[in-house]
Amino acid sequence: MSTIPITKRGAELLKEELHRLKHVERPSVINAISEARAQGDLSENAEYDAAKEKQAFIEGRIQELEGKLSAAQIIDPSTLDVEGRIVFGATVELEDLEDGKKAIYQIVGDDEADLENGKISISSPIARALIGKEEGDVATFSSPGGSREVEILSVNYV
């Protein structure tokens, strides 16, 4: 299995979710199944069916998280020595050369991407165009609205 790049914070969030699923959600659903069983006839017991579905979802998510964490390559951007180049984990301030709008993004793993919070996936067109560039460079990438150009105003490793 290939490694999956993830930031230190992203790995912490996955570990927290895994812990919550194993130690809060799983016991809760087991109790719900026990209570539903105690009500008698399982063939027409909606609570039992719902609890079993939730259990299946939780167990699937636990397996998914364990797999991701075992294949994770945790990268702490603050420890990288890349001489100002944009790499995975870098936080970049950009200015759109067409409309002058500025934006700040951190390049993160696919599971961490959250555009509303300024986190873009390493596999997104803009992140691929930015990788390897430096402050002052112009990056061109394809977007749904056509080709776009952005100037890199700053690069930070937080």
N, C-alpha and C. Protein backbone atom coordinates (compact mmCIF):
# COMPACT_ATOMS: atom_id res chain seq x y z
N MET A 1 0.84 -1.17 0.00
CA MET A 1 0.00 0.00 0.00
C MET A 1 0.89 1.24 0.00
N SER A 2 0.58 2.21 -0.82
CA SER A 2 1.38 3.42 -0.90
C SER A 2 1.08 4.33 0.28
N THR A 3 2.02 5.23 0.56
CA THR A 3 1.83 6.15 1.68
C THR A 3 0.92 7.31 1.27
N ILE A 4 0.24 7.84 2.25
CA ILE A 4 -0.68 8.96 2.04
C ILE A 4 -0.13 10.15 2.82
N PRO A 5 0.21 11.26 2.13
CA PRO A 5 0.73 12.41 2.87
C PRO A 5 -0.38 13.06 3.70
N ILE A 6 -0.02 13.43 4.92
CA ILE A 6 -0.98 14.08 5.80
C ILE A 6 -0.20 15.01 6.74
N THR A 7 -0.79 16.13 7.09
CA THR A 7 -0.13 17.03 8.03
C THR A 7 -0.23 16.46 9.44
N LYS A 8 0.61 16.98 10.31
CA LYS A 8 0.59 16.53 11.70
C LYS A 8 -0.79 16.77 12.32
N ARG A 9 -1.38 17.94 12.05
CA ARG A 9 -2.71 18.27 12.58
C ARG A 9 -3.77 17.33 12.00
N GLY A 10 -3.68 17.03 10.71
CA GLY A 10 -4.63 16.12 10.08
C GLY A 10 -4.58 14.74 10.70
N ALA A 11 -3.37 14.25 11.00
CA ALA A 11 -3.23 12.95 11.65
C ALA A 11 -3.84 12.97 13.05
N GLU A 12 -3.64 14.08 13.77
CA GLU A 12 -4.23 14.19 15.11
C GLU A 12 -5.75 14.14 15.05
N LEU A 13 -6.33 14.81 14.05
CA LEU A 13 -7.79 14.80 13.91
C LEU A 13 -8.31 13.40 13.59
N LEU A 14 -7.61 12.67 12.73
CA LEU A 14 -8.02 11.30 12.42
C LEU A 14 -7.92 10.41 13.66
N LYS A 15 -6.85 10.58 14.45
CA LYS A 15 -6.69 9.79 15.67
C LYS A 15 -7.79 10.10 16.68
N GLU A 16 -8.15 11.39 16.78
CA GLU A 16 -9.23 11.77 17.69
C GLU A 16 -10.56 11.14 17.26
N GLU A 17 -10.83 11.17 15.96
CA GLU A 17 -12.07 10.57 15.46
C GLU A 17 -12.07 9.06 15.72
N LEU A 18 -10.93 8.40 15.48
CA LEU A 18 -10.82 6.96 15.71
C LEU A 18 -11.06 6.64 17.19
N HIS A 19 -10.47 7.42 18.07
CA HIS A 19 -10.65 7.20 19.51
C HIS A 19 -12.12 7.36 19.90
N ARG A 20 -12.77 8.41 19.38
CA ARG A 20 -14.18 8.65 19.69
C ARG A 20 -15.05 7.50 19.19
N LEU A 21 -14.78 7.02 17.98
CA LEU A 21 -15.56 5.91 17.43
C LEU A 21 -15.40 4.64 18.26
N LYS A 22 -14.16 4.36 18.67
CA LYS A 22 -13.90 3.12 19.41
C LYS A 22 -14.39 3.18 20.85
N HIS A 23 -14.27 4.34 21.48
CA HIS A 23 -14.52 4.40 22.92
C HIS A 23 -15.84 5.09 23.30
N VAL A 24 -16.52 5.72 22.36
CA VAL A 24 -17.80 6.36 22.66
C VAL A 24 -18.90 5.78 21.78
N GLU A 25 -18.72 5.89 20.46
CA GLU A 25 -19.77 5.47 19.52
C GLU A 25 -20.00 3.95 19.53
N ARG A 26 -18.92 3.18 19.47
CA ARG A 26 -19.06 1.72 19.44
C ARG A 26 -19.78 1.19 20.67
N PRO A 27 -19.37 1.56 21.91
CA PRO A 27 -20.10 1.08 23.09
C PRO A 27 -21.56 1.55 23.11
N SER A 28 -21.80 2.76 22.64
CA SER A 28 -23.16 3.29 22.62
C SER A 28 -24.07 2.47 21.71
N VAL A 29 -23.57 2.12 20.53
CA VAL A 29 -24.39 1.35 19.60
C VAL A 29 -24.57 -0.09 20.09
N ILE A 30 -23.58 -0.62 20.77
CA ILE A 30 -23.72 -1.97 21.34
C ILE A 30 -24.83 -1.98 22.39
N ASN A 31 -24.87 -0.93 23.21
CA ASN A 31 -25.96 -0.82 24.20
C ASN A 31 -27.31 -0.69 23.52
N ALA A 32 -27.38 0.08 22.44
CA ALA A 32 -28.64 0.27 21.71
C ALA A 32 -29.12 -1.06 21.12
N ILE A 33 -28.19 -1.87 20.62
CA ILE A 33 -28.55 -3.18 20.07
C ILE A 33 -29.07 -4.08 21.18
N SER A 34 -28.41 -4.07 22.33
CA SER A 34 -28.85 -4.89 23.47
C SER A 34 -30.25 -4.50 23.93
N GLU A 35 -30.50 -3.20 24.00
CA GLU A 35 -31.82 -2.73 24.42
C GLU A 35 -32.90 -3.12 23.41
N ALA A 36 -32.57 -3.02 22.13
CA ALA A 36 -33.54 -3.38 21.09
C ALA A 36 -33.82 -4.88 21.12
N ARG A 37 -32.79 -5.68 21.38
CA ARG A 37 -32.98 -7.14 21.48
C ARG A 37 -33.89 -7.49 22.64
N ALA A 38 -33.77 -6.73 23.71
CA ALA A 38 -34.57 -7.00 24.90
C ALA A 38 -36.06 -6.75 24.67
N GLN A 39 -36.39 -6.02 23.60
CA GLN A 39 -37.79 -5.72 23.31
C GLN A 39 -38.51 -6.88 22.63
N GLY A 40 -37.78 -7.93 22.31
CA GLY A 40 -38.45 -9.10 21.76
C GLY A 40 -38.24 -9.28 20.27
N ASP A 41 -39.32 -9.51 19.52
CA ASP A 41 -39.32 -9.84 18.10
C ASP A 41 -38.43 -8.89 17.29
N LEU A 42 -37.34 -9.42 16.72
CA LEU A 42 -36.39 -8.60 15.97
C LEU A 42 -36.83 -8.37 14.52
N SER A 43 -37.77 -9.17 14.03
CA SER A 43 -38.16 -9.07 12.63
C SER A 43 -38.86 -7.75 12.31
N GLU A 44 -39.51 -7.15 13.28
CA GLU A 44 -40.21 -5.89 13.05
C GLU A 44 -39.74 -4.82 14.02
N ASN A 45 -38.49 -4.87 14.40
CA ASN A 45 -37.94 -3.96 15.38
C ASN A 45 -37.08 -2.90 14.68
N ALA A 46 -37.64 -1.71 14.46
CA ALA A 46 -36.95 -0.64 13.74
C ALA A 46 -35.72 -0.15 14.50
N GLU A 47 -35.80 -0.11 15.83
CA GLU A 47 -34.65 0.34 16.62
C GLU A 47 -33.47 -0.60 16.44
N TYR A 48 -33.75 -1.89 16.39
CA TYR A 48 -32.69 -2.88 16.19
C TYR A 48 -32.04 -2.71 14.82
N ASP A 49 -32.89 -2.56 13.79
CA ASP A 49 -32.36 -2.38 12.43
C ASP A 49 -31.51 -1.12 12.34
N ALA A 50 -31.97 -0.03 12.93
CA ALA A 50 -31.23 1.24 12.89
C ALA A 50 -29.90 1.11 13.63
N ALA A 51 -29.91 0.45 14.78
CA ALA A 51 -28.68 0.27 15.55
C ALA A 51 -27.68 -0.61 14.81
N LYS A 52 -28.17 -1.66 14.14
CA LYS A 52 -27.28 -2.53 13.37
C LYS A 52 -26.66 -1.77 12.18
N GLU A 53 -27.46 -0.92 11.53
CA GLU A 53 -26.93 -0.10 10.43
C GLU A 53 -25.86 0.85 10.93
N LYS A 54 -26.13 1.49 12.06
CA LYS A 54 -25.16 2.42 12.64
C LYS A 54 -23.89 1.67 13.03
N GLN A 55 -24.05 0.48 13.57
CA GLN A 55 -22.89 -0.32 13.94
C GLN A 55 -22.04 -0.64 12.71
N ALA A 56 -22.68 -1.01 11.62
CA ALA A 56 -21.95 -1.32 10.38
C ALA A 56 -21.19 -0.09 9.88
N PHE A 57 -21.83 1.07 9.95
CA PHE A 57 -21.17 2.30 9.53
C PHE A 57 -19.95 2.60 10.40
N ILE A 58 -20.11 2.49 11.71
CA ILE A 58 -19.02 2.78 12.65
C ILE A 58 -17.85 1.83 12.43
N GLU A 59 -18.15 0.53 12.29
CA GLU A 59 -17.08 -0.44 12.08
C GLU A 59 -16.35 -0.19 10.76
N GLY A 60 -17.10 0.18 9.72
CA GLY A 60 -16.47 0.51 8.43
C GLY A 60 -15.58 1.73 8.53
N ARG A 61 -16.04 2.75 9.25
CA ARG A 61 -15.25 3.98 9.41
C ARG A 61 -14.00 3.71 10.25
N ILE A 62 -14.11 2.86 11.27
CA ILE A 62 -12.94 2.49 12.07
C ILE A 62 -11.90 1.83 11.20
N GLN A 63 -12.32 0.88 10.36
CA GLN A 63 -11.38 0.20 9.47
C GLN A 63 -10.74 1.18 8.50
N GLU A 64 -11.55 2.11 7.96
CA GLU A 64 -11.03 3.11 7.02
C GLU A 64 -9.98 3.99 7.69
N LEU A 65 -10.28 4.48 8.89
CA LEU A 65 -9.34 5.34 9.61
C LEU A 65 -8.06 4.60 9.98
N GLU A 66 -8.18 3.36 10.44
CA GLU A 66 -7.00 2.58 10.78
C GLU A 66 -6.12 2.36 9.55
N GLY A 67 -6.75 2.11 8.40
CA GLY A 67 -6.00 1.94 7.17
C GLY A 67 -5.28 3.21 6.75
N LYS A 68 -5.97 4.33 6.84
CA LYS A 68 -5.36 5.62 6.48
C LYS A 68 -4.20 5.95 7.41
N LEU A 69 -4.40 5.74 8.70
CA LEU A 69 -3.34 6.07 9.65
C LEU A 69 -2.12 5.15 9.48
N SER A 70 -2.36 3.88 9.14
CA SER A 70 -1.23 2.98 8.96
C SER A 70 -0.44 3.30 7.70
N ALA A 71 -1.11 3.91 6.71
CA ALA A 71 -0.43 4.27 5.47
C ALA A 71 0.01 5.73 5.44
N ALA A 72 -0.24 6.45 6.53
CA ALA A 72 0.03 7.89 6.56
C ALA A 72 1.51 8.19 6.65
N GLN A 73 1.90 9.17 5.87
CA GLN A 73 3.24 9.74 5.99
C GLN A 73 3.01 11.13 6.58
N ILE A 74 3.25 11.26 7.88
CA ILE A 74 2.96 12.51 8.58
C ILE A 74 4.08 13.51 8.30
N ILE A 75 3.67 14.68 7.80
CA ILE A 75 4.62 15.72 7.42
C ILE A 75 4.34 16.96 8.26
N ASP A 76 5.37 17.43 8.96
CA ASP A 76 5.27 18.66 9.75
C ASP A 76 5.96 19.77 8.95
N PRO A 77 5.19 20.68 8.35
CA PRO A 77 5.79 21.69 7.49
C PRO A 77 6.80 22.59 8.19
N SER A 78 6.66 22.76 9.50
CA SER A 78 7.58 23.65 10.22
C SER A 78 8.99 23.07 10.32
N THR A 79 9.16 21.77 10.07
CA THR A 79 10.48 21.15 10.16
C THR A 79 11.16 21.00 8.81
N LEU A 80 10.50 21.42 7.75
CA LEU A 80 11.05 21.26 6.41
C LEU A 80 12.06 22.35 6.09
N ASP A 81 13.13 21.97 5.38
CA ASP A 81 14.13 22.94 4.93
C ASP A 81 14.08 22.94 3.41
N VAL A 82 13.21 23.77 2.85
CA VAL A 82 12.98 23.75 1.41
C VAL A 82 13.30 25.09 0.75
N GLU A 83 13.92 26.00 1.53
CA GLU A 83 14.42 27.27 0.99
C GLU A 83 13.36 28.08 0.26
N GLY A 84 12.17 28.18 0.84
CA GLY A 84 11.14 29.04 0.29
C GLY A 84 10.30 28.46 -0.83
N ARG A 85 10.56 27.22 -1.22
CA ARG A 85 9.74 26.58 -2.25
C ARG A 85 8.44 26.07 -1.64
N ILE A 86 7.41 26.02 -2.47
CA ILE A 86 6.12 25.51 -2.01
C ILE A 86 6.15 23.99 -2.06
N VAL A 87 5.83 23.39 -0.91
CA VAL A 87 5.78 21.94 -0.78
C VAL A 87 4.51 21.58 -0.02
N PHE A 88 4.27 20.29 0.13
CA PHE A 88 3.13 19.81 0.91
C PHE A 88 3.20 20.44 2.30
N GLY A 89 2.06 20.94 2.77
CA GLY A 89 1.97 21.54 4.10
C GLY A 89 2.22 23.04 4.13
N ALA A 90 2.75 23.60 3.05
CA ALA A 90 3.03 25.04 3.02
C ALA A 90 1.73 25.84 3.02
N THR A 91 1.78 27.00 3.64
CA THR A 91 0.67 27.95 3.60
C THR A 91 1.09 29.07 2.65
N VAL A 92 0.24 29.35 1.68
CA VAL A 92 0.60 30.24 0.59
C VAL A 92 -0.42 31.37 0.47
N GLU A 93 0.08 32.60 0.34
CA GLU A 93 -0.80 33.73 0.05
C GLU A 93 -0.69 34.02 -1.44
N LEU A 94 -1.84 34.09 -2.10
CA LEU A 94 -1.90 34.26 -3.54
C LEU A 94 -2.71 35.49 -3.92
N GLU A 95 -2.40 36.04 -5.10
CA GLU A 95 -3.23 37.10 -5.66
C GLU A 95 -3.61 36.70 -7.08
N ASP A 96 -4.91 36.68 -7.34
CA ASP A 96 -5.41 36.36 -8.67
C ASP A 96 -5.05 37.52 -9.59
N LEU A 97 -4.34 37.25 -10.69
CA LEU A 97 -3.88 38.32 -11.57
C LEU A 97 -5.00 38.91 -12.42
N GLU A 98 -6.14 38.20 -12.51
CA GLU A 98 -7.25 38.71 -13.30
C GLU A 98 -8.11 39.70 -12.51
N ASP A 99 -8.48 39.33 -11.28
CA ASP A 99 -9.38 40.21 -10.51
C ASP A 99 -8.73 40.84 -9.27
N GLY A 100 -7.48 40.50 -8.98
CA GLY A 100 -6.78 41.10 -7.85
C GLY A 100 -7.16 40.55 -6.49
N LYS A 101 -8.03 39.55 -6.43
CA LYS A 101 -8.44 38.98 -5.15
C LYS A 101 -7.29 38.19 -4.54
N LYS A 102 -7.16 38.32 -3.22
CA LYS A 102 -6.12 37.60 -2.49
C LYS A 102 -6.74 36.46 -1.71
N ALA A 103 -5.97 35.40 -1.53
CA ALA A 103 -6.43 34.24 -0.77
C ALA A 103 -5.23 33.57 -0.11
N ILE A 104 -5.50 32.91 1.01
CA ILE A 104 -4.47 32.16 1.71
C ILE A 104 -4.92 30.71 1.79
N TYR A 105 -4.04 29.80 1.33
CA TYR A 105 -4.35 28.37 1.34
C TYR A 105 -3.20 27.58 1.95
N GLN A 106 -3.55 26.49 2.62
CA GLN A 106 -2.55 25.52 3.04
C GLN A 106 -2.74 24.28 2.18
N ILE A 107 -1.64 23.73 1.69
CA ILE A 107 -1.70 22.53 0.86
C ILE A 107 -1.65 21.31 1.79
N VAL A 108 -2.72 20.51 1.76
CA VAL A 108 -2.87 19.39 2.69
C VAL A 108 -3.24 18.11 1.92
N GLY A 109 -3.39 17.01 2.65
CA GLY A 109 -3.79 15.74 2.06
C GLY A 109 -5.25 15.75 1.65
N ASP A 110 -5.63 14.79 0.84
CA ASP A 110 -7.00 14.72 0.32
C ASP A 110 -8.04 14.67 1.43
N ASP A 111 -7.75 13.95 2.51
CA ASP A 111 -8.72 13.81 3.60
C ASP A 111 -8.87 15.07 4.43
N GLU A 112 -7.89 15.96 4.37
CA GLU A 112 -7.92 17.18 5.17
C GLU A 112 -8.51 18.37 4.43
N ALA A 113 -8.62 18.27 3.11
CA ALA A 113 -9.04 19.41 2.30
C ALA A 113 -10.36 19.99 2.78
N ASP A 114 -10.39 21.31 2.90
CA ASP A 114 -11.58 22.03 3.35
C ASP A 114 -11.45 23.46 2.84
N LEU A 115 -11.98 23.71 1.67
CA LEU A 115 -11.82 25.01 1.01
C LEU A 115 -12.32 26.16 1.87
N GLU A 116 -13.42 25.96 2.60
CA GLU A 116 -13.96 27.02 3.45
C GLU A 116 -12.98 27.45 4.53
N ASN A 117 -12.10 26.54 4.94
CA ASN A 117 -11.10 26.85 5.96
C ASN A 117 -9.71 27.05 5.37
N GLY A 118 -9.64 27.24 4.05
CA GLY A 118 -8.37 27.55 3.40
C GLY A 118 -7.43 26.38 3.25
N LYS A 119 -7.95 25.18 3.20
CA LYS A 119 -7.11 23.98 3.04
C LYS A 119 -7.44 23.33 1.70
N ILE A 120 -6.44 23.29 0.81
CA ILE A 120 -6.65 22.69 -0.51
C ILE A 120 -5.88 21.39 -0.64
N SER A 121 -6.46 20.46 -1.36
CA SER A 121 -5.88 19.13 -1.54
C SER A 121 -4.63 19.20 -2.41
N ILE A 122 -3.65 18.40 -2.04
CA ILE A 122 -2.40 18.29 -2.81
C ILE A 122 -2.68 17.85 -4.25
N SER A 123 -3.81 17.17 -4.47
CA SER A 123 -4.13 16.68 -5.81
C SER A 123 -4.98 17.67 -6.62
N SER A 124 -5.32 18.83 -6.04
CA SER A 124 -6.11 19.83 -6.77
C SER A 124 -5.25 20.51 -7.83
N PRO A 125 -5.87 21.00 -8.91
CA PRO A 125 -5.10 21.65 -9.98
C PRO A 125 -4.27 22.83 -9.48
N ILE A 126 -4.81 23.64 -8.57
CA ILE A 126 -4.05 24.79 -8.10
C ILE A 126 -2.85 24.36 -7.26
N ALA A 127 -3.02 23.36 -6.41
CA ALA A 127 -1.90 22.89 -5.59
C ALA A 127 -0.81 22.28 -6.47
N ARG A 128 -1.21 21.52 -7.46
CA ARG A 128 -0.21 20.92 -8.37
C ARG A 128 0.57 22.01 -9.10
N ALA A 129 -0.11 23.11 -9.46
CA ALA A 129 0.56 24.21 -10.15
C ALA A 129 1.50 24.97 -9.22
N LEU A 130 1.20 24.99 -7.92
CA LEU A 130 2.00 25.74 -6.96
C LEU A 130 3.25 25.00 -6.49
N ILE A 131 3.19 23.68 -6.43
CA ILE A 131 4.30 22.89 -5.90
C ILE A 131 5.59 23.22 -6.65
N GLY A 132 6.63 23.52 -5.87
CA GLY A 132 7.94 23.82 -6.43
C GLY A 132 8.18 25.30 -6.74
N LYS A 133 7.13 26.09 -6.73
CA LYS A 133 7.26 27.52 -7.01
C LYS A 133 7.72 28.25 -5.75
N GLU A 134 8.10 29.53 -5.91
CA GLU A 134 8.57 30.34 -4.80
C GLU A 134 7.84 31.67 -4.77
N GLU A 135 8.03 32.42 -3.71
CA GLU A 135 7.45 33.74 -3.57
C GLU A 135 7.84 34.60 -4.78
N GLY A 136 6.85 35.28 -5.36
CA GLY A 136 7.10 36.12 -6.53
C GLY A 136 6.82 35.44 -7.85
N ASP A 137 6.76 34.11 -7.85
CA ASP A 137 6.47 33.36 -9.08
C ASP A 137 5.00 33.49 -9.44
N VAL A 138 4.69 33.21 -10.70
CA VAL A 138 3.31 33.15 -11.18
C VAL A 138 3.01 31.71 -11.54
N ALA A 139 1.87 31.21 -11.07
CA ALA A 139 1.44 29.84 -11.36
C ALA A 139 0.17 29.90 -12.21
N THR A 140 0.12 29.03 -13.21
CA THR A 140 -1.05 28.92 -14.08
C THR A 140 -1.69 27.56 -13.87
N PHE A 141 -3.02 27.56 -13.75
CA PHE A 141 -3.74 26.30 -13.55
C PHE A 141 -5.09 26.38 -14.24
N SER A 142 -5.67 25.22 -14.50
CA SER A 142 -7.00 25.16 -15.11
C SER A 142 -8.06 25.11 -14.04
N SER A 143 -9.12 25.89 -14.24
CA SER A 143 -10.26 25.88 -13.33
C SER A 143 -11.52 25.71 -14.18
N PRO A 144 -12.66 25.47 -13.54
CA PRO A 144 -13.89 25.32 -14.32
C PRO A 144 -14.18 26.54 -15.21
N GLY A 145 -13.70 27.72 -14.80
CA GLY A 145 -13.92 28.93 -15.58
C GLY A 145 -12.85 29.18 -16.63
N GLY A 146 -11.91 28.25 -16.78
CA GLY A 146 -10.82 28.41 -17.75
C GLY A 146 -9.48 28.54 -17.05
N SER A 147 -8.47 28.91 -17.80
CA SER A 147 -7.12 29.03 -17.27
C SER A 147 -7.01 30.25 -16.36
N ARG A 148 -6.33 30.09 -15.22
CA ARG A 148 -6.17 31.17 -14.24
C ARG A 148 -4.70 31.33 -13.92
N GLU A 149 -4.34 32.56 -13.57
CA GLU A 149 -2.97 32.84 -13.14
C GLU A 149 -3.00 33.50 -11.77
N VAL A 150 -2.12 33.06 -10.88
CA VAL A 150 -2.00 33.64 -9.55
C VAL A 150 -0.53 33.96 -9.28
N GLU A 151 -0.32 35.07 -8.59
CA GLU A 151 1.03 35.42 -8.16
C GLU A 151 1.19 34.97 -6.72
N ILE A 152 2.33 34.40 -6.40
CA ILE A 152 2.60 33.93 -5.05
C ILE A 152 3.18 35.10 -4.24
N LEU A 153 2.43 35.56 -3.25
CA LEU A 153 2.84 36.70 -2.45
C LEU A 153 3.73 36.29 -1.27
N SER A 154 3.41 35.15 -0.65
CA SER A 154 4.24 34.67 0.47
C SER A 154 4.07 33.17 0.63
N VAL A 155 5.10 32.56 1.24
CA VAL A 155 5.09 31.13 1.53
C VAL A 155 5.51 30.95 2.98
N ASN A 156 4.69 30.24 3.76
CA ASN A 156 5.01 30.00 5.18
C ASN A 156 4.88 28.51 5.46
N TYR A 157 5.62 28.08 6.48
CA TYR A 157 5.59 26.67 6.90
C TYR A 157 5.21 26.64 8.37
N VAL A 158 3.91 26.53 8.64
CA VAL A 158 3.43 26.61 10.02
C VAL A 158 3.02 25.24 10.52
